[in-house]
């Protein structure tokens, strides 16, 4: 008799599963899905590529700047890249719609170019300073810090030795 009651109760309640893929479904809170990259926030430290468990992140030097490439096919969505990115240039979204055809597997990438800046001292190419990192490193900025940000490492070293005098 208990089995018959259970059967009738379940028939009255209806299905208890999601209708996906034929209907909408919910996205769990804090789901680690598709990765988004913001080149404006990237410092080019490449720590994300170093900690990437799936070796999905690669950086290449190009004429336009430092090119970031993330292959979603090899990403394990572990979140280490987001965790170790100090400027939050990498963010895991809750977008889990990554199913694709086999012939589209090379299109499942996230790319961005970190534009170079010119050194105020010698004019050489360098990675542009990121205000988010400066705010993290120095609670309150001043003109000296702002000036040092516009210099390449060699010019910064010279400015440190001469006390800012050229």
N, C-alpha and C. Protein backbone atom coordinates (compact mmCIF):
# COMPACT_ATOMS: atom_id res chain seq x y z
N UNK A 1 0.81 -1.19 0.00
CA UNK A 1 0.00 0.00 0.00
C UNK A 1 0.86 1.27 0.00
N UNK A 2 1.98 1.26 0.71
CA UNK A 2 2.85 2.42 0.74
C UNK A 2 3.40 2.77 -0.65
N UNK A 3 3.69 1.76 -1.45
CA UNK A 3 4.22 1.99 -2.78
C UNK A 3 3.18 2.65 -3.67
N UNK A 4 1.94 2.28 -3.55
CA UNK A 4 0.86 2.86 -4.34
C UNK A 4 0.63 4.32 -3.94
N UNK A 5 0.69 4.63 -2.67
CA UNK A 5 0.54 6.01 -2.20
C UNK A 5 1.68 6.89 -2.70
N UNK A 6 2.89 6.36 -2.66
CA UNK A 6 4.05 7.09 -3.16
C UNK A 6 3.91 7.36 -4.65
N UNK A 7 3.47 6.39 -5.40
CA UNK A 7 3.28 6.55 -6.83
C UNK A 7 2.23 7.62 -7.13
N UNK A 8 1.11 7.59 -6.44
CA UNK A 8 0.06 8.59 -6.65
C UNK A 8 0.53 9.99 -6.25
N UNK A 9 1.24 10.10 -5.15
CA UNK A 9 1.76 11.41 -4.72
C UNK A 9 2.74 11.97 -5.75
N UNK A 10 3.64 11.15 -6.29
CA UNK A 10 4.60 11.60 -7.29
C UNK A 10 3.91 11.98 -8.60
N UNK A 11 2.87 11.27 -8.97
CA UNK A 11 2.12 11.62 -10.17
C UNK A 11 1.42 12.97 -10.01
N UNK A 12 0.92 13.23 -8.82
CA UNK A 12 0.23 14.50 -8.56
C UNK A 12 1.19 15.68 -8.55
N UNK A 13 2.38 15.49 -8.03
CA UNK A 13 3.38 16.57 -7.95
C UNK A 13 3.98 16.90 -9.31
N UNK A 14 4.13 15.95 -10.16
CA UNK A 14 4.74 16.19 -11.47
C UNK A 14 6.23 15.92 -11.42
N UNK A 15 6.93 16.22 -12.53
CA UNK A 15 8.36 15.92 -12.59
C UNK A 15 9.15 16.73 -11.57
N UNK A 16 10.21 16.14 -11.05
CA UNK A 16 11.05 16.83 -10.07
C UNK A 16 12.41 17.20 -10.67
N UNK A 17 12.58 16.99 -11.95
CA UNK A 17 13.83 17.35 -12.62
C UNK A 17 13.61 18.56 -13.51
N UNK A 18 14.70 19.18 -13.95
CA UNK A 18 14.61 20.32 -14.85
C UNK A 18 14.29 19.83 -16.26
N UNK A 19 13.66 20.68 -17.01
CA UNK A 19 13.28 20.34 -18.38
C UNK A 19 14.43 20.55 -19.37
N UNK A 20 15.60 20.91 -18.89
CA UNK A 20 16.74 21.18 -19.76
C UNK A 20 17.09 19.94 -20.56
N UNK A 21 17.37 20.01 -21.82
CA UNK A 21 17.61 21.17 -22.69
C UNK A 21 16.37 21.70 -23.38
N UNK A 22 15.20 21.21 -23.04
CA UNK A 22 13.97 21.65 -23.71
C UNK A 22 13.31 22.81 -22.99
N UNK A 23 13.83 23.20 -21.86
CA UNK A 23 13.30 24.33 -21.10
C UNK A 23 14.40 24.98 -20.29
N UNK A 24 14.04 26.01 -19.56
CA UNK A 24 15.03 26.72 -18.74
C UNK A 24 15.43 25.89 -17.53
N UNK A 25 16.61 26.19 -17.03
CA UNK A 25 17.08 25.58 -15.81
C UNK A 25 17.78 26.65 -14.98
N UNK A 26 18.12 26.35 -13.78
CA UNK A 26 18.76 27.32 -12.91
C UNK A 26 20.28 27.21 -13.00
N UNK A 27 20.95 28.27 -12.62
CA UNK A 27 22.41 28.27 -12.55
C UNK A 27 22.79 28.32 -11.08
N UNK A 28 23.55 27.35 -10.60
CA UNK A 28 23.93 27.36 -9.18
C UNK A 28 24.73 28.61 -8.81
N UNK A 29 24.57 29.06 -7.60
CA UNK A 29 25.32 30.21 -7.11
C UNK A 29 26.81 29.88 -7.08
N UNK A 30 27.64 30.83 -7.47
CA UNK A 30 29.11 30.72 -7.49
C UNK A 30 29.61 29.64 -8.45
N UNK A 31 28.85 29.38 -9.51
CA UNK A 31 29.28 28.42 -10.53
C UNK A 31 30.50 28.98 -11.25
N UNK A 32 31.49 28.16 -11.50
CA UNK A 32 32.68 28.58 -12.24
C UNK A 32 32.49 28.17 -13.70
N UNK A 33 32.21 29.15 -14.55
CA UNK A 33 31.95 28.89 -15.96
C UNK A 33 32.93 29.63 -16.85
N UNK A 34 32.44 30.09 -17.99
CA UNK A 34 33.27 30.76 -19.01
C UNK A 34 34.10 31.88 -18.38
N UNK A 35 35.34 31.98 -18.82
CA UNK A 35 36.26 32.96 -18.28
C UNK A 35 36.25 34.22 -19.15
N UNK A 36 36.23 35.37 -18.49
CA UNK A 36 36.31 36.66 -19.17
C UNK A 36 37.63 37.31 -18.79
N UNK A 37 38.24 37.97 -19.78
CA UNK A 37 39.53 38.62 -19.58
C UNK A 37 39.39 40.10 -19.90
N UNK A 38 39.89 40.95 -19.02
CA UNK A 38 39.86 42.40 -19.23
C UNK A 38 41.30 42.88 -19.41
N UNK A 39 41.72 43.16 -20.65
CA UNK A 39 43.10 43.58 -20.89
C UNK A 39 43.46 44.92 -20.24
N UNK A 40 42.46 45.74 -19.94
CA UNK A 40 42.72 47.03 -19.31
C UNK A 40 43.25 46.87 -17.88
N UNK A 41 42.93 45.75 -17.25
CA UNK A 41 43.35 45.51 -15.87
C UNK A 41 44.60 44.64 -15.77
N UNK A 42 45.04 44.03 -16.87
CA UNK A 42 46.15 43.08 -16.84
C UNK A 42 47.49 43.79 -16.74
N UNK A 43 48.36 43.30 -15.88
CA UNK A 43 49.71 43.85 -15.74
C UNK A 43 50.74 43.05 -16.53
N UNK A 44 50.33 41.92 -17.08
CA UNK A 44 51.26 41.09 -17.84
C UNK A 44 52.21 40.29 -16.97
N UNK A 45 51.86 40.04 -15.73
CA UNK A 45 52.74 39.31 -14.82
C UNK A 45 52.81 37.82 -15.17
N UNK A 46 51.81 37.32 -15.86
CA UNK A 46 51.73 35.93 -16.34
C UNK A 46 51.60 34.90 -15.22
N UNK A 47 51.23 35.33 -14.05
CA UNK A 47 51.04 34.39 -12.94
C UNK A 47 49.87 33.45 -13.23
N UNK A 48 48.87 33.94 -13.94
CA UNK A 48 47.72 33.09 -14.29
C UNK A 48 48.16 31.91 -15.16
N UNK A 49 49.06 32.15 -16.10
CA UNK A 49 49.55 31.07 -16.95
C UNK A 49 50.38 30.08 -16.13
N UNK A 50 51.09 30.58 -15.14
CA UNK A 50 51.93 29.73 -14.30
C UNK A 50 51.10 28.78 -13.44
N UNK A 51 49.98 29.28 -12.89
CA UNK A 51 49.18 28.46 -11.98
C UNK A 51 48.08 27.68 -12.69
N UNK A 52 47.91 27.86 -13.99
CA UNK A 52 46.83 27.21 -14.73
C UNK A 52 47.01 25.70 -14.72
N UNK A 53 46.07 24.99 -14.12
CA UNK A 53 46.16 23.53 -13.98
C UNK A 53 46.04 22.82 -15.32
N UNK A 54 45.28 23.37 -16.25
CA UNK A 54 45.08 22.73 -17.55
C UNK A 54 46.01 23.25 -18.63
N UNK A 55 46.93 24.15 -18.29
CA UNK A 55 47.83 24.79 -19.26
C UNK A 55 47.02 25.43 -20.39
N UNK A 56 45.93 26.08 -20.03
CA UNK A 56 45.02 26.67 -21.00
C UNK A 56 45.35 28.12 -21.32
N UNK A 57 46.21 28.75 -20.53
CA UNK A 57 46.51 30.18 -20.70
C UNK A 57 47.90 30.34 -21.29
N UNK A 58 47.97 31.17 -22.34
CA UNK A 58 49.25 31.44 -23.00
C UNK A 58 49.37 32.93 -23.30
N UNK A 59 50.58 33.45 -23.22
CA UNK A 59 50.88 34.82 -23.57
C UNK A 59 51.87 34.83 -24.73
N UNK A 60 51.67 35.73 -25.68
CA UNK A 60 52.58 35.89 -26.82
C UNK A 60 52.88 37.37 -26.99
N UNK A 61 54.15 37.67 -27.27
CA UNK A 61 54.55 39.04 -27.59
C UNK A 61 54.21 39.30 -29.05
N UNK A 62 53.45 40.36 -29.33
CA UNK A 62 53.11 40.73 -30.70
C UNK A 62 53.42 42.21 -30.89
N UNK A 63 53.27 42.70 -32.12
CA UNK A 63 53.50 44.11 -32.39
C UNK A 63 52.48 44.99 -31.68
N UNK A 64 51.26 44.45 -31.48
CA UNK A 64 50.20 45.22 -30.81
C UNK A 64 50.39 45.26 -29.30
N UNK A 65 51.11 44.29 -28.76
CA UNK A 65 51.30 44.21 -27.31
C UNK A 65 51.38 42.76 -26.87
N UNK A 66 51.03 42.52 -25.65
CA UNK A 66 51.07 41.18 -25.07
C UNK A 66 49.70 40.52 -25.27
N UNK A 67 49.66 39.44 -26.07
CA UNK A 67 48.40 38.78 -26.38
C UNK A 67 48.13 37.66 -25.39
N UNK A 68 46.96 37.73 -24.76
CA UNK A 68 46.47 36.73 -23.82
C UNK A 68 45.55 35.80 -24.59
N UNK A 69 45.76 34.48 -24.46
CA UNK A 69 44.88 33.49 -25.08
C UNK A 69 44.53 32.44 -24.06
N UNK A 70 43.24 32.18 -23.91
CA UNK A 70 42.77 31.13 -23.02
C UNK A 70 41.93 30.15 -23.85
N UNK A 71 42.30 28.88 -23.81
CA UNK A 71 41.57 27.84 -24.53
C UNK A 71 40.55 27.22 -23.57
N UNK A 72 39.26 27.44 -23.84
CA UNK A 72 38.21 26.88 -22.98
C UNK A 72 38.16 25.36 -23.07
N UNK A 73 38.66 24.79 -24.16
CA UNK A 73 38.63 23.32 -24.30
C UNK A 73 39.56 22.64 -23.30
N UNK A 74 40.64 23.29 -22.90
CA UNK A 74 41.57 22.67 -21.96
C UNK A 74 41.45 23.24 -20.55
N UNK A 75 40.63 24.26 -20.38
CA UNK A 75 40.43 24.86 -19.06
C UNK A 75 39.69 23.88 -18.15
N UNK A 76 40.16 23.74 -16.92
CA UNK A 76 39.49 22.86 -15.95
C UNK A 76 38.53 23.63 -15.05
N UNK A 77 38.44 24.95 -15.23
CA UNK A 77 37.55 25.81 -14.46
C UNK A 77 37.80 25.70 -12.96
N UNK A 78 39.08 25.55 -12.62
CA UNK A 78 39.45 25.42 -11.21
C UNK A 78 39.42 26.76 -10.48
N UNK A 79 39.57 27.87 -11.21
CA UNK A 79 39.51 29.19 -10.60
C UNK A 79 40.84 29.69 -10.06
N UNK A 80 41.93 28.97 -10.27
CA UNK A 80 43.23 29.44 -9.76
C UNK A 80 43.67 30.73 -10.44
N UNK A 81 43.38 30.88 -11.72
CA UNK A 81 43.78 32.09 -12.43
C UNK A 81 43.08 33.31 -11.83
N UNK A 82 41.81 33.19 -11.56
CA UNK A 82 41.07 34.30 -10.96
C UNK A 82 41.56 34.57 -9.54
N UNK A 83 41.84 33.54 -8.80
CA UNK A 83 42.29 33.69 -7.41
C UNK A 83 43.63 34.43 -7.33
N UNK A 84 44.56 34.10 -8.19
CA UNK A 84 45.89 34.68 -8.11
C UNK A 84 46.04 35.99 -8.88
N UNK A 85 45.07 36.38 -9.68
CA UNK A 85 45.15 37.64 -10.42
C UNK A 85 44.88 38.80 -9.46
N UNK A 86 45.91 39.57 -9.15
CA UNK A 86 45.79 40.65 -8.17
C UNK A 86 44.89 41.78 -8.64
N UNK A 87 44.86 42.03 -9.96
CA UNK A 87 44.08 43.15 -10.48
C UNK A 87 42.70 42.73 -10.95
N UNK A 88 42.37 41.44 -10.81
CA UNK A 88 41.06 40.90 -11.22
C UNK A 88 40.81 41.08 -12.71
N UNK A 89 41.86 40.91 -13.52
CA UNK A 89 41.72 40.96 -14.98
C UNK A 89 41.05 39.71 -15.50
N UNK A 90 41.09 38.62 -14.74
CA UNK A 90 40.45 37.36 -15.11
C UNK A 90 39.28 37.13 -14.16
N UNK A 91 38.14 36.81 -14.76
CA UNK A 91 36.94 36.60 -13.96
C UNK A 91 36.19 35.39 -14.50
N UNK A 92 35.84 34.46 -13.62
CA UNK A 92 35.01 33.33 -14.01
C UNK A 92 33.55 33.74 -13.90
N UNK A 93 32.83 33.61 -15.00
CA UNK A 93 31.42 33.97 -15.02
C UNK A 93 30.58 32.75 -14.68
N UNK A 94 29.28 32.93 -14.61
CA UNK A 94 28.40 31.79 -14.37
C UNK A 94 27.81 31.26 -15.69
N UNK A 95 28.42 31.64 -16.82
CA UNK A 95 27.97 31.16 -18.13
C UNK A 95 28.53 29.76 -18.37
N UNK A 96 27.68 28.78 -18.36
CA UNK A 96 28.11 27.39 -18.52
C UNK A 96 27.74 26.85 -19.89
N UNK A 97 27.28 27.69 -20.79
CA UNK A 97 26.88 27.27 -22.13
C UNK A 97 28.11 27.15 -23.03
N UNK A 98 28.84 26.10 -22.88
CA UNK A 98 30.08 25.91 -23.64
C UNK A 98 30.03 24.71 -24.58
N UNK A 99 28.87 24.12 -24.76
CA UNK A 99 28.76 22.98 -25.67
C UNK A 99 28.98 23.49 -27.11
N UNK A 100 29.69 22.71 -27.91
CA UNK A 100 29.99 23.13 -29.27
C UNK A 100 30.24 21.90 -30.15
N UNK A 101 30.19 22.12 -31.43
CA UNK A 101 30.50 21.06 -32.38
C UNK A 101 31.99 20.83 -32.43
N UNK A 102 32.41 19.64 -32.84
CA UNK A 102 33.83 19.30 -32.89
C UNK A 102 34.61 20.27 -33.79
N UNK A 103 34.01 20.66 -34.92
CA UNK A 103 34.74 21.54 -35.84
C UNK A 103 34.89 22.96 -35.29
N UNK A 104 34.15 23.31 -34.23
CA UNK A 104 34.26 24.63 -33.62
C UNK A 104 35.18 24.67 -32.41
N UNK A 105 35.91 23.59 -32.15
CA UNK A 105 36.71 23.53 -30.92
C UNK A 105 37.82 24.57 -30.87
N UNK A 106 38.31 25.01 -32.02
CA UNK A 106 39.38 26.01 -32.02
C UNK A 106 38.84 27.43 -31.91
N UNK A 107 37.54 27.58 -31.91
CA UNK A 107 36.93 28.89 -31.71
C UNK A 107 36.56 29.13 -30.26
N UNK A 108 36.74 28.14 -29.41
CA UNK A 108 36.39 28.26 -27.99
C UNK A 108 37.56 28.88 -27.21
N UNK A 109 37.85 30.14 -27.54
CA UNK A 109 38.97 30.83 -26.89
C UNK A 109 38.51 32.18 -26.36
N UNK A 110 39.26 32.69 -25.44
CA UNK A 110 39.10 34.05 -24.93
C UNK A 110 40.43 34.73 -25.19
N UNK A 111 40.40 35.85 -25.93
CA UNK A 111 41.64 36.55 -26.25
C UNK A 111 41.54 38.02 -25.89
N UNK A 112 42.68 38.60 -25.67
CA UNK A 112 42.78 40.03 -25.41
C UNK A 112 44.22 40.46 -25.57
N UNK A 113 44.42 41.73 -25.86
CA UNK A 113 45.77 42.26 -26.05
C UNK A 113 46.01 43.34 -25.01
N UNK A 114 47.07 43.15 -24.25
CA UNK A 114 47.48 44.15 -23.26
C UNK A 114 48.35 45.16 -24.01
N UNK A 115 47.81 46.35 -24.21
CA UNK A 115 48.49 47.37 -25.00
C UNK A 115 49.73 47.89 -24.27
N UNK A 116 50.82 48.08 -25.01
CA UNK A 116 52.02 48.61 -24.38
C UNK A 116 51.94 50.12 -24.20
N UNK A 117 52.76 50.64 -23.33
CA UNK A 117 52.88 52.08 -23.11
C UNK A 117 54.33 52.46 -23.39
N UNK A 118 54.56 53.73 -23.63
CA UNK A 118 55.92 54.22 -23.85
C UNK A 118 56.47 54.76 -22.54
N UNK A 119 57.71 54.39 -22.24
CA UNK A 119 58.39 54.88 -21.04
C UNK A 119 58.58 56.39 -21.16
N UNK A 120 58.26 57.14 -20.10
CA UNK A 120 58.42 58.59 -20.10
C UNK A 120 59.89 58.99 -20.08
N UNK A 121 60.78 58.07 -19.67
CA UNK A 121 62.19 58.39 -19.61
C UNK A 121 62.93 58.13 -20.91
N UNK A 122 62.83 56.92 -21.44
CA UNK A 122 63.60 56.55 -22.63
C UNK A 122 62.74 56.26 -23.85
N UNK A 123 61.43 56.14 -23.67
CA UNK A 123 60.54 55.91 -24.80
C UNK A 123 60.38 54.45 -25.21
N UNK A 124 61.02 53.52 -24.52
CA UNK A 124 60.91 52.11 -24.89
C UNK A 124 59.52 51.58 -24.53
N UNK A 125 59.14 50.44 -25.15
CA UNK A 125 57.85 49.81 -24.87
C UNK A 125 57.88 49.11 -23.52
N UNK A 126 56.78 49.27 -22.79
CA UNK A 126 56.66 48.60 -21.50
C UNK A 126 55.19 48.31 -21.26
N UNK A 127 54.90 47.48 -20.29
CA UNK A 127 53.52 47.21 -19.93
C UNK A 127 52.95 48.42 -19.22
N UNK A 128 51.77 48.82 -19.65
CA UNK A 128 51.15 50.01 -19.07
C UNK A 128 50.82 49.79 -17.59
N UNK A 129 50.97 50.83 -16.76
CA UNK A 129 50.61 50.68 -15.35
C UNK A 129 49.10 50.53 -15.18
N UNK A 130 48.71 49.75 -14.20
CA UNK A 130 47.29 49.50 -13.93
C UNK A 130 46.91 50.20 -12.64
N UNK A 131 45.98 51.14 -12.69
CA UNK A 131 45.59 51.87 -11.47
C UNK A 131 45.10 50.95 -10.35
N UNK A 132 44.45 49.84 -10.69
CA UNK A 132 43.95 48.93 -9.66
C UNK A 132 45.10 48.33 -8.85
N UNK A 133 46.21 48.03 -9.51
CA UNK A 133 47.36 47.48 -8.80
C UNK A 133 48.04 48.54 -7.94
N UNK A 134 48.12 49.76 -8.45
CA UNK A 134 48.70 50.85 -7.67
C UNK A 134 47.88 51.11 -6.42
N UNK A 135 46.56 51.09 -6.56
CA UNK A 135 45.70 51.31 -5.41
C UNK A 135 45.86 50.19 -4.39
N UNK A 136 46.13 48.98 -4.87
CA UNK A 136 46.33 47.85 -3.97
C UNK A 136 47.68 47.96 -3.25
N UNK A 137 48.71 48.39 -3.98
CA UNK A 137 50.06 48.47 -3.41
C UNK A 137 50.25 49.70 -2.52
N UNK A 138 49.71 50.83 -2.97
CA UNK A 138 49.87 52.09 -2.23
C UNK A 138 48.50 52.62 -1.88
N UNK A 139 48.20 52.72 -0.62
CA UNK A 139 46.87 53.17 -0.19
C UNK A 139 46.55 54.56 -0.75
N UNK A 140 47.50 55.45 -0.64
CA UNK A 140 47.32 56.81 -1.13
C UNK A 140 48.48 57.13 -2.06
N UNK A 141 48.15 57.51 -3.27
CA UNK A 141 49.20 57.83 -4.24
C UNK A 141 49.74 59.23 -4.03
N UNK A 142 50.88 59.49 -4.62
CA UNK A 142 51.43 60.83 -4.65
C UNK A 142 52.09 61.04 -6.01
N UNK A 143 52.59 62.24 -6.25
CA UNK A 143 53.14 62.54 -7.58
C UNK A 143 54.37 61.71 -7.89
N UNK A 144 55.17 61.39 -6.92
CA UNK A 144 56.37 60.57 -7.17
C UNK A 144 55.98 59.17 -7.63
N UNK A 145 55.01 58.57 -6.98
CA UNK A 145 54.55 57.24 -7.38
C UNK A 145 53.95 57.29 -8.78
N UNK A 146 53.15 58.32 -9.04
CA UNK A 146 52.56 58.46 -10.37
C UNK A 146 53.64 58.62 -11.44
N UNK A 147 54.71 59.34 -11.13
CA UNK A 147 55.81 59.51 -12.08
C UNK A 147 56.56 58.19 -12.29
N UNK A 148 56.81 57.47 -11.21
CA UNK A 148 57.53 56.20 -11.34
C UNK A 148 56.74 55.17 -12.16
N UNK A 149 55.44 55.27 -12.15
CA UNK A 149 54.62 54.36 -12.94
C UNK A 149 54.81 54.56 -14.44
N UNK A 150 55.21 55.72 -14.84
CA UNK A 150 55.38 56.00 -16.27
C UNK A 150 56.77 55.61 -16.77
N UNK A 151 57.60 55.04 -15.91
CA UNK A 151 58.97 54.68 -16.28
C UNK A 151 59.13 53.17 -16.40
N UNK A 152 60.03 52.76 -17.30
CA UNK A 152 60.36 51.34 -17.43
C UNK A 152 61.24 50.93 -16.24
N UNK A 153 61.48 49.65 -16.03
CA UNK A 153 62.28 49.22 -14.87
C UNK A 153 63.68 49.86 -14.84
N UNK A 154 64.35 50.00 -15.98
CA UNK A 154 65.69 50.60 -16.00
C UNK A 154 65.64 52.07 -15.59
N UNK A 155 64.70 52.81 -16.15
CA UNK A 155 64.57 54.23 -15.79
C UNK A 155 64.12 54.40 -14.34
N UNK A 156 63.30 53.48 -13.85
CA UNK A 156 62.89 53.51 -12.44
C UNK A 156 64.09 53.30 -11.53
N UNK A 157 64.95 52.38 -11.93
CA UNK A 157 66.15 52.11 -11.14
C UNK A 157 67.05 53.36 -11.10
N UNK A 158 67.22 54.00 -12.25
CA UNK A 158 68.05 55.21 -12.32
C UNK A 158 67.42 56.32 -11.47
N UNK A 159 66.09 56.46 -11.55
CA UNK A 159 65.41 57.49 -10.77
C UNK A 159 65.54 57.22 -9.28
N UNK A 160 65.57 55.94 -8.90
CA UNK A 160 65.73 55.59 -7.49
C UNK A 160 67.12 55.93 -6.98
N UNK A 161 68.15 55.75 -7.83
CA UNK A 161 69.52 56.04 -7.45
C UNK A 161 69.78 57.53 -7.35
N UNK A 162 69.21 58.28 -8.31
CA UNK A 162 69.46 59.72 -8.34
C UNK A 162 68.44 60.50 -7.52
N UNK A 163 67.47 59.79 -6.94
CA UNK A 163 66.46 60.46 -6.14
C UNK A 163 65.46 61.21 -6.98
N UNK A 164 65.31 60.81 -8.25
CA UNK A 164 64.34 61.46 -9.12
C UNK A 164 64.95 62.51 -9.99
N UNK A 165 66.25 62.83 -9.77
CA UNK A 165 66.91 63.84 -10.60
C UNK A 165 67.58 63.14 -11.77
N UNK A 166 67.44 63.67 -12.96
CA UNK A 166 68.05 63.06 -14.14
C UNK A 166 69.43 63.60 -14.40
